[in-house]
Amino acid sequence: MLSITNVSVYKGATYIIEFEDRDAEFLNRDIVSRYNLKAGISLPLSAWEEIKAEEEYRKARERALYLLDYKDYSYIELFRKLEKNYSEDTCYRVLDKMVELGAVNDRRYAEGLARHYVEVKKFGRTRAFREMRTKGLTAEVINDVLDKYDEDEENTWYDRLYELVEKKFLRYLDDEKGVNRVKNSLVRYGYSYDLIRDVLRDIEEEYGEEE
């Protein structure tokens, strides 16, 4: 049994809990109030461990909400952030709560990343997929989101690549060396060799005729 000898305000919302035969510990006032902690009571060690687990959960939950105020995270990405400071059980508990609250939603997060990588950065499917995987998203979620771009008949992967070449690489297509550099760059952007060949051929036909 643990005998509490004193419970008092330490600083702000933090209370100091002093014991008869062990070092003092610190808890948030909400935890102190919830468990009605006060001087003179005794607790089984198992009860104290439960209280400490609740305190850790409270801290981890606040940290998660703080991080989510600034940007979205995938379930795994946020878990990795939290596990640096909190136990695995606590991290799972917090993440499940964030999902329940709608603060973490892998599908929504994937859709936002896809818009950024495909529509803004003009990455091809391969590069977009690879970048999204680094964010802790599953292949299933990523493919489901990227499939919509495959089905977009008004703005196909061909159209996006054509636009990218026109805006960023047209001036480098004057000679074979430049063309090869552009091809290598476009592969790094995540486009297939076949699509790159088709777009560069059509670019050459269109702009070559203007010369």
N, C-alpha and C. Protein backbone atom coordinates (compact mmCIF):
# COMPACT_ATOMS: atom_id res chain seq x y z
N MET A 1 0.84 -1.20 0.00
CA MET A 1 0.00 0.00 0.00
C MET A 1 0.88 1.25 0.00
N LEU A 2 0.39 2.29 -0.66
CA LEU A 2 1.08 3.57 -0.68
C LEU A 2 0.29 4.57 0.16
N SER A 3 0.97 5.18 1.11
CA SER A 3 0.32 6.15 2.00
C SER A 3 0.65 7.57 1.55
N ILE A 4 -0.38 8.34 1.23
CA ILE A 4 -0.19 9.73 0.80
C ILE A 4 -0.16 10.63 2.04
N THR A 5 0.89 11.43 2.13
CA THR A 5 1.04 12.32 3.29
C THR A 5 0.68 13.77 2.98
N ASN A 6 0.74 14.13 1.69
CA ASN A 6 0.41 15.52 1.34
C ASN A 6 0.05 15.64 -0.14
N VAL A 7 -0.98 16.44 -0.41
CA VAL A 7 -1.36 16.78 -1.78
C VAL A 7 -1.53 18.29 -1.83
N SER A 8 -0.71 18.97 -2.65
CA SER A 8 -0.79 20.43 -2.69
C SER A 8 -0.39 20.94 -4.07
N VAL A 9 -0.79 22.18 -4.34
CA VAL A 9 -0.46 22.81 -5.62
C VAL A 9 1.05 23.02 -5.71
N TYR A 10 1.60 22.58 -6.84
CA TYR A 10 3.04 22.79 -7.06
C TYR A 10 3.26 24.01 -7.95
N LYS A 11 2.64 24.01 -9.09
CA LYS A 11 2.75 25.14 -10.00
C LYS A 11 1.62 25.05 -11.02
N GLY A 12 0.84 26.13 -11.15
CA GLY A 12 -0.25 26.15 -12.10
C GLY A 12 -1.24 25.02 -11.86
N ALA A 13 -1.42 24.17 -12.88
CA ALA A 13 -2.36 23.05 -12.76
C ALA A 13 -1.69 21.78 -12.27
N THR A 14 -0.43 21.88 -11.88
CA THR A 14 0.32 20.70 -11.42
C THR A 14 0.31 20.60 -9.91
N TYR A 15 0.00 19.40 -9.42
CA TYR A 15 0.00 19.13 -7.98
C TYR A 15 1.18 18.21 -7.64
N ILE A 16 1.69 18.38 -6.43
CA ILE A 16 2.72 17.47 -5.93
C ILE A 16 2.05 16.47 -4.98
N ILE A 17 2.35 15.20 -5.17
CA ILE A 17 1.81 14.14 -4.32
C ILE A 17 2.98 13.56 -3.51
N GLU A 18 2.91 13.70 -2.20
CA GLU A 18 3.99 13.21 -1.34
C GLU A 18 3.55 11.94 -0.62
N PHE A 19 4.50 11.00 -0.46
CA PHE A 19 4.22 9.71 0.13
C PHE A 19 5.05 9.49 1.39
N GLU A 20 4.65 8.53 2.13
CA GLU A 20 5.35 8.22 3.37
C GLU A 20 6.71 7.57 3.13
N ASP A 21 6.79 6.65 2.17
CA ASP A 21 8.03 5.88 2.00
C ASP A 21 8.58 5.89 0.58
N ARG A 22 8.27 6.92 -0.20
CA ARG A 22 8.81 6.99 -1.56
C ARG A 22 8.84 8.43 -2.02
N ASP A 23 9.54 8.66 -3.13
CA ASP A 23 9.68 10.02 -3.64
C ASP A 23 8.34 10.59 -4.09
N ALA A 24 8.25 11.91 -4.00
CA ALA A 24 7.04 12.60 -4.43
C ALA A 24 6.88 12.48 -5.95
N GLU A 25 5.64 12.60 -6.39
CA GLU A 25 5.35 12.59 -7.82
C GLU A 25 4.40 13.74 -8.13
N PHE A 26 4.23 13.99 -9.45
CA PHE A 26 3.45 15.15 -9.87
C PHE A 26 2.32 14.72 -10.80
N LEU A 27 1.15 15.32 -10.57
CA LEU A 27 -0.04 15.00 -11.37
C LEU A 27 -0.78 16.28 -11.73
N ASN A 28 -1.51 16.22 -12.82
CA ASN A 28 -2.40 17.31 -13.19
C ASN A 28 -3.58 17.36 -12.22
N ARG A 29 -4.10 18.54 -11.98
CA ARG A 29 -5.20 18.69 -11.02
C ARG A 29 -6.45 17.90 -11.41
N ASP A 30 -6.67 17.73 -12.74
CA ASP A 30 -7.84 16.96 -13.17
C ASP A 30 -7.74 15.51 -12.71
N ILE A 31 -6.54 14.96 -12.75
CA ILE A 31 -6.33 13.58 -12.30
C ILE A 31 -6.49 13.50 -10.79
N VAL A 32 -5.94 14.48 -10.10
CA VAL A 32 -6.06 14.53 -8.64
C VAL A 32 -7.52 14.56 -8.23
N SER A 33 -8.30 15.40 -8.92
CA SER A 33 -9.72 15.53 -8.61
C SER A 33 -10.49 14.26 -8.96
N ARG A 34 -10.20 13.67 -10.13
CA ARG A 34 -10.92 12.49 -10.57
C ARG A 34 -10.77 11.33 -9.60
N TYR A 35 -9.58 11.17 -9.04
CA TYR A 35 -9.33 10.05 -8.13
C TYR A 35 -9.41 10.45 -6.66
N ASN A 36 -9.82 11.71 -6.42
CA ASN A 36 -10.03 12.19 -5.06
C ASN A 36 -8.79 11.94 -4.18
N LEU A 37 -7.64 12.34 -4.69
CA LEU A 37 -6.40 12.12 -3.95
C LEU A 37 -6.23 13.19 -2.89
N LYS A 38 -5.90 12.78 -1.68
CA LYS A 38 -5.70 13.71 -0.57
C LYS A 38 -4.84 13.06 0.49
N ALA A 39 -4.33 13.89 1.38
CA ALA A 39 -3.47 13.38 2.45
C ALA A 39 -4.25 12.43 3.35
N GLY A 40 -3.56 11.37 3.79
CA GLY A 40 -4.16 10.45 4.73
C GLY A 40 -4.74 9.20 4.13
N ILE A 41 -4.83 9.14 2.79
CA ILE A 41 -5.39 7.93 2.20
C ILE A 41 -4.27 6.97 1.77
N SER A 42 -4.62 5.70 1.66
CA SER A 42 -3.67 4.68 1.20
C SER A 42 -4.21 4.03 -0.07
N LEU A 43 -3.31 3.72 -0.97
CA LEU A 43 -3.70 3.13 -2.25
C LEU A 43 -2.91 1.86 -2.52
N PRO A 44 -3.54 0.85 -3.09
CA PRO A 44 -2.78 -0.31 -3.58
C PRO A 44 -1.85 0.15 -4.70
N LEU A 45 -0.75 -0.50 -4.87
CA LEU A 45 0.19 -0.13 -5.92
C LEU A 45 -0.48 -0.19 -7.30
N SER A 46 -1.35 -1.17 -7.49
CA SER A 46 -2.04 -1.30 -8.79
C SER A 46 -2.91 -0.08 -9.08
N ALA A 47 -3.52 0.48 -8.04
CA ALA A 47 -4.36 1.67 -8.22
C ALA A 47 -3.50 2.87 -8.61
N TRP A 48 -2.32 2.97 -7.99
CA TRP A 48 -1.43 4.07 -8.32
C TRP A 48 -0.92 3.94 -9.76
N GLU A 49 -0.63 2.73 -10.19
CA GLU A 49 -0.18 2.53 -11.56
C GLU A 49 -1.26 2.94 -12.56
N GLU A 50 -2.51 2.68 -12.20
CA GLU A 50 -3.62 3.11 -13.06
C GLU A 50 -3.68 4.63 -13.15
N ILE A 51 -3.48 5.28 -12.01
CA ILE A 51 -3.49 6.75 -11.97
C ILE A 51 -2.36 7.31 -12.84
N LYS A 52 -1.18 6.72 -12.72
CA LYS A 52 -0.04 7.18 -13.51
C LYS A 52 -0.28 6.97 -15.00
N ALA A 53 -0.95 5.88 -15.35
CA ALA A 53 -1.27 5.62 -16.74
C ALA A 53 -2.23 6.68 -17.29
N GLU A 54 -3.17 7.09 -16.45
CA GLU A 54 -4.11 8.13 -16.86
C GLU A 54 -3.41 9.47 -17.04
N GLU A 55 -2.44 9.73 -16.19
CA GLU A 55 -1.66 10.97 -16.31
C GLU A 55 -0.85 10.96 -17.61
N GLU A 56 -0.27 9.82 -17.94
CA GLU A 56 0.50 9.72 -19.18
C GLU A 56 -0.43 9.87 -20.39
N TYR A 57 -1.60 9.26 -20.31
CA TYR A 57 -2.57 9.38 -21.40
C TYR A 57 -2.98 10.83 -21.60
N ARG A 58 -3.20 11.53 -20.49
CA ARG A 58 -3.59 12.94 -20.58
C ARG A 58 -2.50 13.75 -21.29
N LYS A 59 -1.25 13.52 -20.90
CA LYS A 59 -0.14 14.26 -21.50
C LYS A 59 0.00 13.93 -22.99
N ALA A 60 -0.10 12.66 -23.31
CA ALA A 60 0.05 12.23 -24.70
C ALA A 60 -1.09 12.77 -25.56
N ARG A 61 -2.29 12.78 -25.01
CA ARG A 61 -3.45 13.30 -25.76
C ARG A 61 -3.26 14.80 -26.04
N GLU A 62 -2.80 15.55 -25.04
CA GLU A 62 -2.57 16.98 -25.23
C GLU A 62 -1.49 17.22 -26.27
N ARG A 63 -0.45 16.39 -26.24
CA ARG A 63 0.63 16.53 -27.22
C ARG A 63 0.11 16.24 -28.63
N ALA A 64 -0.72 15.23 -28.76
CA ALA A 64 -1.28 14.89 -30.07
C ALA A 64 -2.14 16.04 -30.61
N LEU A 65 -2.99 16.59 -29.76
CA LEU A 65 -3.84 17.69 -30.19
C LEU A 65 -3.03 18.92 -30.56
N TYR A 66 -1.95 19.14 -29.82
CA TYR A 66 -1.05 20.26 -30.13
C TYR A 66 -0.43 20.08 -31.52
N LEU A 67 0.07 18.90 -31.79
CA LEU A 67 0.68 18.62 -33.09
C LEU A 67 -0.34 18.75 -34.23
N LEU A 68 -1.55 18.27 -33.99
CA LEU A 68 -2.59 18.31 -35.02
C LEU A 68 -3.11 19.71 -35.28
N ASP A 69 -2.85 20.64 -34.36
CA ASP A 69 -3.22 22.03 -34.58
C ASP A 69 -2.43 22.63 -35.73
N TYR A 70 -1.25 22.11 -35.98
CA TYR A 70 -0.34 22.68 -36.96
C TYR A 70 -0.37 21.97 -38.31
N LYS A 71 -0.66 20.68 -38.33
CA LYS A 71 -0.71 19.95 -39.59
C LYS A 71 -1.42 18.62 -39.39
N ASP A 72 -1.81 18.02 -40.49
CA ASP A 72 -2.41 16.69 -40.43
C ASP A 72 -1.32 15.63 -40.34
N TYR A 73 -1.66 14.51 -39.73
CA TYR A 73 -0.77 13.37 -39.65
C TYR A 73 -1.56 12.11 -39.98
N SER A 74 -0.86 11.12 -40.52
CA SER A 74 -1.48 9.81 -40.64
C SER A 74 -1.44 9.14 -39.27
N TYR A 75 -2.18 8.06 -39.13
CA TYR A 75 -2.21 7.32 -37.87
C TYR A 75 -0.80 6.91 -37.46
N ILE A 76 -0.07 6.28 -38.38
CA ILE A 76 1.26 5.78 -38.07
C ILE A 76 2.25 6.91 -37.85
N GLU A 77 2.13 7.96 -38.63
CA GLU A 77 3.04 9.10 -38.51
C GLU A 77 2.93 9.74 -37.13
N LEU A 78 1.71 9.94 -36.66
CA LEU A 78 1.52 10.54 -35.34
C LEU A 78 1.94 9.57 -34.24
N PHE A 79 1.68 8.29 -34.45
CA PHE A 79 2.12 7.28 -33.49
C PHE A 79 3.63 7.35 -33.30
N ARG A 80 4.35 7.47 -34.40
CA ARG A 80 5.81 7.54 -34.33
C ARG A 80 6.29 8.77 -33.56
N LYS A 81 5.56 9.86 -33.71
CA LYS A 81 5.89 11.08 -32.96
C LYS A 81 5.72 10.86 -31.47
N LEU A 82 4.60 10.24 -31.09
CA LEU A 82 4.28 10.09 -29.68
C LEU A 82 5.12 9.02 -28.99
N GLU A 83 5.47 7.96 -29.71
CA GLU A 83 6.15 6.84 -29.07
C GLU A 83 7.56 7.20 -28.59
N LYS A 84 8.06 8.35 -29.01
CA LYS A 84 9.37 8.81 -28.52
C LYS A 84 9.31 9.14 -27.04
N ASN A 85 8.12 9.47 -26.55
CA ASN A 85 7.99 9.92 -25.16
C ASN A 85 6.97 9.14 -24.33
N TYR A 86 6.16 8.31 -24.99
CA TYR A 86 5.10 7.64 -24.25
C TYR A 86 5.07 6.15 -24.59
N SER A 87 4.46 5.39 -23.71
CA SER A 87 4.42 3.93 -23.88
C SER A 87 3.57 3.56 -25.10
N GLU A 88 3.79 2.36 -25.61
CA GLU A 88 3.06 1.88 -26.78
C GLU A 88 1.56 1.83 -26.52
N ASP A 89 1.18 1.31 -25.34
CA ASP A 89 -0.24 1.22 -25.01
C ASP A 89 -0.90 2.59 -24.99
N THR A 90 -0.20 3.56 -24.41
CA THR A 90 -0.73 4.91 -24.36
C THR A 90 -0.87 5.51 -25.75
N CYS A 91 0.12 5.27 -26.61
CA CYS A 91 0.08 5.80 -27.98
C CYS A 91 -1.10 5.24 -28.75
N TYR A 92 -1.31 3.94 -28.65
CA TYR A 92 -2.46 3.34 -29.34
C TYR A 92 -3.77 3.92 -28.80
N ARG A 93 -3.84 4.07 -27.52
CA ARG A 93 -5.06 4.60 -26.91
C ARG A 93 -5.34 6.03 -27.40
N VAL A 94 -4.30 6.85 -27.44
CA VAL A 94 -4.46 8.23 -27.91
C VAL A 94 -4.84 8.27 -29.38
N LEU A 95 -4.15 7.48 -30.19
CA LEU A 95 -4.45 7.49 -31.63
C LEU A 95 -5.86 7.01 -31.92
N ASP A 96 -6.30 6.00 -31.21
CA ASP A 96 -7.67 5.52 -31.40
C ASP A 96 -8.68 6.61 -31.03
N LYS A 97 -8.34 7.38 -30.00
CA LYS A 97 -9.21 8.49 -29.60
C LYS A 97 -9.23 9.58 -30.67
N MET A 98 -8.06 9.86 -31.26
CA MET A 98 -7.98 10.88 -32.31
C MET A 98 -8.81 10.46 -33.53
N VAL A 99 -8.79 9.17 -33.83
CA VAL A 99 -9.60 8.66 -34.94
C VAL A 99 -11.09 8.81 -34.62
N GLU A 100 -11.44 8.46 -33.39
CA GLU A 100 -12.84 8.57 -32.95
C GLU A 100 -13.33 10.01 -33.06
N LEU A 101 -12.46 10.96 -32.73
CA LEU A 101 -12.82 12.37 -32.78
C LEU A 101 -12.79 12.93 -34.20
N GLY A 102 -12.21 12.18 -35.11
CA GLY A 102 -12.08 12.67 -36.48
C GLY A 102 -10.86 13.54 -36.69
N ALA A 103 -10.01 13.65 -35.67
CA ALA A 103 -8.80 14.47 -35.79
C ALA A 103 -7.75 13.79 -36.64
N VAL A 104 -7.78 12.46 -36.68
CA VAL A 104 -6.89 11.69 -37.54
C VAL A 104 -7.76 10.87 -38.49
N ASN A 105 -7.53 11.07 -39.78
CA ASN A 105 -8.31 10.37 -40.80
C ASN A 105 -7.38 10.10 -41.98
N ASP A 106 -6.93 8.87 -42.11
CA ASP A 106 -5.93 8.56 -43.13
C ASP A 106 -6.43 8.82 -44.54
N ARG A 107 -7.70 8.57 -44.80
CA ARG A 107 -8.25 8.81 -46.14
C ARG A 107 -8.21 10.31 -46.46
N ARG A 108 -8.65 11.12 -45.53
CA ARG A 108 -8.65 12.57 -45.76
C ARG A 108 -7.22 13.08 -45.93
N TYR A 109 -6.32 12.57 -45.11
CA TYR A 109 -4.92 12.97 -45.18
C TYR A 109 -4.32 12.58 -46.53
N ALA A 110 -4.63 11.38 -47.00
CA ALA A 110 -4.12 10.90 -48.28
C ALA A 110 -4.63 11.77 -49.43
N GLU A 111 -5.89 12.17 -49.37
CA GLU A 111 -6.45 13.01 -50.42
C GLU A 111 -5.74 14.35 -50.47
N GLY A 112 -5.42 14.91 -49.30
CA GLY A 112 -4.70 16.18 -49.26
C GLY A 112 -3.29 16.05 -49.81
N LEU A 113 -2.61 14.96 -49.44
CA LEU A 113 -1.26 14.74 -49.95
C LEU A 113 -1.28 14.53 -51.46
N ALA A 114 -2.26 13.79 -51.94
CA ALA A 114 -2.35 13.55 -53.39
C ALA A 114 -2.52 14.86 -54.14
N ARG A 115 -3.37 15.73 -53.64
CA ARG A 115 -3.55 17.03 -54.29
C ARG A 115 -2.23 17.79 -54.34
N HIS A 116 -1.49 17.74 -53.24
CA HIS A 116 -0.21 18.46 -53.18
C HIS A 116 0.81 17.87 -54.15
N TYR A 117 0.96 16.55 -54.13
CA TYR A 117 2.00 15.92 -54.94
C TYR A 117 1.63 15.88 -56.42
N VAL A 118 0.38 15.60 -56.73
CA VAL A 118 -0.02 15.45 -58.13
C VAL A 118 -0.37 16.78 -58.78
N GLU A 119 -1.20 17.58 -58.11
CA GLU A 119 -1.70 18.79 -58.73
C GLU A 119 -0.75 19.98 -58.58
N VAL A 120 -0.04 20.04 -57.46
CA VAL A 120 0.85 21.17 -57.22
C VAL A 120 2.28 20.86 -57.67
N LYS A 121 2.83 19.75 -57.16
CA LYS A 121 4.22 19.40 -57.47
C LYS A 121 4.36 18.69 -58.82
N LYS A 122 3.24 18.26 -59.38
CA LYS A 122 3.21 17.61 -60.69
C LYS A 122 3.96 16.27 -60.72
N PHE A 123 3.98 15.57 -59.61
CA PHE A 123 4.62 14.26 -59.58
C PHE A 123 3.78 13.25 -60.35
N GLY A 124 4.46 12.27 -60.94
CA GLY A 124 3.76 11.15 -61.54
C GLY A 124 3.27 10.21 -60.44
N ARG A 125 2.53 9.21 -60.86
CA ARG A 125 1.93 8.31 -59.88
C ARG A 125 2.99 7.60 -59.04
N THR A 126 4.05 7.14 -59.65
CA THR A 126 5.09 6.39 -58.92
C THR A 126 5.71 7.23 -57.83
N ARG A 127 6.07 8.47 -58.14
CA ARG A 127 6.69 9.35 -57.14
C ARG A 127 5.69 9.74 -56.07
N ALA A 128 4.45 10.04 -56.47
CA ALA A 128 3.43 10.40 -55.49
C ALA A 128 3.20 9.25 -54.51
N PHE A 129 3.12 8.04 -55.05
CA PHE A 129 2.92 6.86 -54.20
C PHE A 129 4.08 6.72 -53.21
N ARG A 130 5.29 6.85 -53.70
CA ARG A 130 6.46 6.69 -52.84
C ARG A 130 6.50 7.73 -51.73
N GLU A 131 6.20 8.98 -52.07
CA GLU A 131 6.21 10.04 -51.06
C GLU A 131 5.12 9.82 -50.01
N MET A 132 3.97 9.35 -50.45
CA MET A 132 2.86 9.14 -49.52
C MET A 132 3.12 7.96 -48.60
N ARG A 133 3.86 6.97 -49.09
CA ARG A 133 4.21 5.83 -48.24
C ARG A 133 5.10 6.27 -47.08
N THR A 134 5.96 7.26 -47.32
CA THR A 134 6.85 7.72 -46.25
C THR A 134 6.06 8.40 -45.13
N LYS A 135 4.81 8.76 -45.40
CA LYS A 135 3.97 9.40 -44.39
C LYS A 135 3.20 8.39 -43.55
N GLY A 136 3.48 7.11 -43.75
CA GLY A 136 2.84 6.09 -42.93
C GLY A 136 1.50 5.61 -43.44
N LEU A 137 1.15 5.98 -44.67
CA LEU A 137 -0.13 5.54 -45.24
C LEU A 137 0.01 4.16 -45.86
N THR A 138 -1.06 3.39 -45.83
CA THR A 138 -1.03 2.05 -46.41
C THR A 138 -1.12 2.13 -47.93
N ALA A 139 -0.60 1.10 -48.60
CA ALA A 139 -0.68 1.05 -50.06
C ALA A 139 -2.13 1.07 -50.52
N GLU A 140 -3.00 0.42 -49.77
CA GLU A 140 -4.42 0.35 -50.15
C GLU A 140 -5.05 1.74 -50.18
N VAL A 141 -4.80 2.53 -49.13
CA VAL A 141 -5.37 3.88 -49.06
C VAL A 141 -4.79 4.75 -50.17
N ILE A 142 -3.49 4.67 -50.38
CA ILE A 142 -2.83 5.49 -51.40
C ILE A 142 -3.37 5.16 -52.79
N ASN A 143 -3.42 3.87 -53.10
CA ASN A 143 -3.89 3.47 -54.42
C ASN A 143 -5.33 3.88 -54.66
N ASP A 144 -6.14 3.78 -53.61
CA ASP A 144 -7.54 4.15 -53.73
C ASP A 144 -7.68 5.63 -54.09
N VAL A 145 -6.83 6.47 -53.48
CA VAL A 145 -6.87 7.91 -53.74
C VAL A 145 -6.29 8.23 -55.12
N LEU A 146 -5.16 7.60 -55.46
CA LEU A 146 -4.53 7.89 -56.74
C LEU A 146 -5.32 7.34 -57.93
N ASP A 147 -6.14 6.31 -57.69
CA ASP A 147 -6.97 5.77 -58.77
C ASP A 147 -7.87 6.84 -59.37
N LYS A 148 -8.27 7.81 -58.57
CA LYS A 148 -9.14 8.88 -59.07
C LYS A 148 -8.43 9.70 -60.14
N TYR A 149 -7.11 9.83 -59.99
CA TYR A 149 -6.35 10.57 -61.00
C TYR A 149 -6.19 9.75 -62.27
N ASP A 150 -6.14 8.42 -62.12
CA ASP A 150 -6.10 7.55 -63.31
C ASP A 150 -7.38 7.70 -64.13
N GLU A 151 -8.48 7.95 -63.43
CA GLU A 151 -9.80 7.98 -64.07
C GLU A 151 -10.20 9.38 -64.54
N ASP A 152 -9.34 10.37 -64.29
CA ASP A 152 -9.67 11.75 -64.64
C ASP A 152 -9.46 11.95 -66.15
N GLU A 153 -10.52 11.96 -66.91
CA GLU A 153 -10.42 12.08 -68.37
C GLU A 153 -10.14 13.50 -68.82
N GLU A 154 -10.40 14.48 -67.98
CA GLU A 154 -10.17 15.88 -68.36
C GLU A 154 -8.74 16.32 -68.08
N ASN A 155 -8.07 15.62 -67.19
CA ASN A 155 -6.69 15.98 -66.85
C ASN A 155 -5.92 14.70 -66.57
N THR A 156 -5.46 14.05 -67.61
CA THR A 156 -4.81 12.76 -67.49
C THR A 156 -3.36 12.92 -67.07
N TRP A 157 -2.71 11.78 -66.78
CA TRP A 157 -1.28 11.83 -66.47
C TRP A 157 -0.50 12.40 -67.65
N TYR A 158 -0.94 12.09 -68.85
CA TYR A 158 -0.32 12.66 -70.05
C TYR A 158 -0.43 14.19 -70.02
N ASP A 159 -1.62 14.69 -69.74
CA ASP A 159 -1.83 16.14 -69.71
C ASP A 159 -0.94 16.81 -68.67
N ARG A 160 -0.85 16.19 -67.50
CA ARG A 160 -0.04 16.78 -66.42
C ARG A 160 1.43 16.81 -66.80
N LEU A 161 1.89 15.71 -67.40
CA LEU A 161 3.30 15.66 -67.80
C LEU A 161 3.58 16.65 -68.91
N TYR A 162 2.68 16.76 -69.85
CA TYR A 162 2.84 17.71 -70.95
C TYR A 162 2.97 19.13 -70.39
N GLU A 163 2.09 19.47 -69.46
CA GLU A 163 2.12 20.80 -68.84
C GLU A 163 3.43 21.02 -68.08
N LEU A 164 3.88 20.00 -67.38
CA LEU A 164 5.14 20.10 -66.63
C LEU A 164 6.31 20.37 -67.56
N VAL A 165 6.38 19.66 -68.66
CA VAL A 165 7.48 19.85 -69.62
C VAL A 165 7.42 21.26 -70.20
N GLU A 166 6.23 21.70 -70.56
CA GLU A 166 6.08 23.05 -71.13
C GLU A 166 6.56 24.13 -70.16
N LYS A 167 6.22 23.97 -68.90
CA LYS A 167 6.52 25.01 -67.91
C LYS A 167 7.96 24.99 -67.40
N LYS A 168 8.54 23.78 -67.29
CA LYS A 168 9.84 23.70 -66.61
C LYS A 168 10.99 23.21 -67.47
N PHE A 169 10.70 22.48 -68.53
CA PHE A 169 11.79 21.80 -69.22
C PHE A 169 11.92 22.12 -70.71
N LEU A 170 11.02 22.91 -71.24
CA LEU A 170 11.02 23.16 -72.68
C LEU A 170 12.35 23.71 -73.18
N ARG A 171 12.94 24.60 -72.42
CA ARG A 171 14.18 25.27 -72.87
C ARG A 171 15.39 24.34 -72.90
N TYR A 172 15.25 23.16 -72.29
CA TYR A 172 16.38 22.23 -72.25
C TYR A 172 16.34 21.20 -73.38
N LEU A 173 15.35 21.31 -74.27
CA LEU A 173 15.15 20.29 -75.29
C LEU A 173 15.80 20.65 -76.63
N ASP A 174 16.80 21.49 -76.62
CA ASP A 174 17.43 21.93 -77.86
C ASP A 174 18.41 20.93 -78.45
N ASP A 175 18.94 20.04 -77.62
CA ASP A 175 19.91 19.07 -78.14
C ASP A 175 19.73 17.74 -77.41
N GLU A 176 20.43 16.72 -77.89
CA GLU A 176 20.28 15.38 -77.35
C GLU A 176 20.67 15.29 -75.88
N LYS A 177 21.74 16.00 -75.52
CA LYS A 177 22.18 15.99 -74.12
C LYS A 177 21.10 16.56 -73.22
N GLY A 178 20.50 17.65 -73.66
CA GLY A 178 19.43 18.26 -72.87
C GLY A 178 18.22 17.37 -72.77
N VAL A 179 17.87 16.71 -73.87
CA VAL A 179 16.73 15.80 -73.88
C VAL A 179 16.95 14.67 -72.89
N ASN A 180 18.15 14.12 -72.85
CA ASN A 180 18.44 13.03 -71.92
C ASN A 180 18.36 13.49 -70.46
N ARG A 181 18.81 14.70 -70.21
CA ARG A 181 18.70 15.24 -68.84
C ARG A 181 17.24 15.40 -68.44
N VAL A 182 16.45 15.87 -69.38
CA VAL A 182 15.01 16.04 -69.11
C VAL A 182 14.36 14.69 -68.84
N LYS A 183 14.69 13.69 -69.64
CA LYS A 183 14.14 12.36 -69.44
C LYS A 183 14.46 11.84 -68.03
N ASN A 184 15.70 12.01 -67.63
CA ASN A 184 16.11 11.56 -66.28
C ASN A 184 15.35 12.30 -65.19
N SER A 185 15.15 13.60 -65.39
CA SER A 185 14.41 14.39 -64.41
C SER A 185 12.96 13.92 -64.31
N LEU A 186 12.38 13.62 -65.45
CA LEU A 186 10.97 13.21 -65.47
C LEU A 186 10.78 11.83 -64.86
N VAL A 187 11.78 10.97 -65.00
CA VAL A 187 11.72 9.67 -64.32
C VAL A 187 11.72 9.89 -62.81
N ARG A 188 12.55 10.82 -62.34
CA ARG A 188 12.57 11.12 -60.91
C ARG A 188 11.26 11.73 -60.45
N TYR A 189 10.57 12.39 -61.34
CA TYR A 189 9.24 12.92 -61.02
C TYR A 189 8.21 11.81 -60.88
N GLY A 190 8.55 10.62 -61.35
CA GLY A 190 7.65 9.49 -61.17
C GLY A 190 6.84 9.09 -62.38
N TYR A 191 7.28 9.51 -63.56
CA TYR A 191 6.57 9.15 -64.78
C TYR A 191 7.25 7.97 -65.47
N SER A 192 6.47 7.19 -66.19
CA SER A 192 6.99 6.01 -66.88
C SER A 192 7.77 6.42 -68.13
N TYR A 193 8.68 5.55 -68.56
CA TYR A 193 9.46 5.82 -69.77
C TYR A 193 8.55 5.96 -70.99
N ASP A 194 7.53 5.13 -71.07
CA ASP A 194 6.63 5.18 -72.22
C ASP A 194 5.90 6.51 -72.30
N LEU A 195 5.41 6.98 -71.15
CA LEU A 195 4.68 8.24 -71.14
C LEU A 195 5.62 9.40 -71.45
N ILE A 196 6.81 9.36 -70.90
CA ILE A 196 7.80 10.41 -71.17
C ILE A 196 8.12 10.45 -72.67
N ARG A 197 8.32 9.29 -73.26
CA ARG A 197 8.62 9.22 -74.70
C ARG A 197 7.49 9.83 -75.52
N ASP A 198 6.25 9.48 -75.18
CA ASP A 198 5.11 9.99 -75.93
C ASP A 198 4.99 11.50 -75.82
N VAL A 199 5.15 12.01 -74.61
CA VAL A 199 5.00 13.46 -74.40
C VAL A 199 6.12 14.22 -75.10
N LEU A 200 7.36 13.75 -74.97
CA LEU A 200 8.48 14.45 -75.62
C LEU A 200 8.37 14.40 -77.14
N ARG A 201 7.85 13.31 -77.67
CA ARG A 201 7.63 13.21 -79.11
C ARG A 201 6.61 14.24 -79.57
N ASP A 202 5.50 14.35 -78.81
CA ASP A 202 4.45 15.29 -79.19
C ASP A 202 4.90 16.74 -78.98
N ILE A 203 5.70 16.98 -77.94
CA ILE A 203 6.26 18.31 -77.71
C ILE A 203 7.15 18.70 -78.89
N GLU A 204 7.97 17.76 -79.33
CA GLU A 204 8.87 18.02 -80.45
C GLU A 204 8.08 18.33 -81.71
N GLU A 205 7.00 17.57 -81.94
CA GLU A 205 6.18 17.80 -83.11
C GLU A 205 5.52 19.19 -83.08
N GLU A 206 5.03 19.56 -81.90
CA GLU A 206 4.34 20.85 -81.80
C GLU A 206 5.31 22.02 -81.87
N TYR A 207 6.36 22.00 -81.08
CA TYR A 207 7.25 23.15 -80.99
C TYR A 207 8.30 23.13 -82.09
N GLY A 208 8.57 21.92 -82.64
CA GLY A 208 9.52 21.87 -83.74
C GLY A 208 8.97 22.53 -84.99
N GLU A 209 7.64 22.42 -85.14
CA GLU A 209 7.01 23.03 -86.31
C GLU A 209 7.01 24.55 -86.25
N GLU A 210 7.14 25.10 -85.01
CA GLU A 210 7.10 26.55 -84.86
C GLU A 210 8.42 27.18 -85.20
N GLU A 211 9.50 26.40 -85.22
CA GLU A 211 10.83 26.95 -85.47
C GLU A 211 11.02 27.30 -86.94
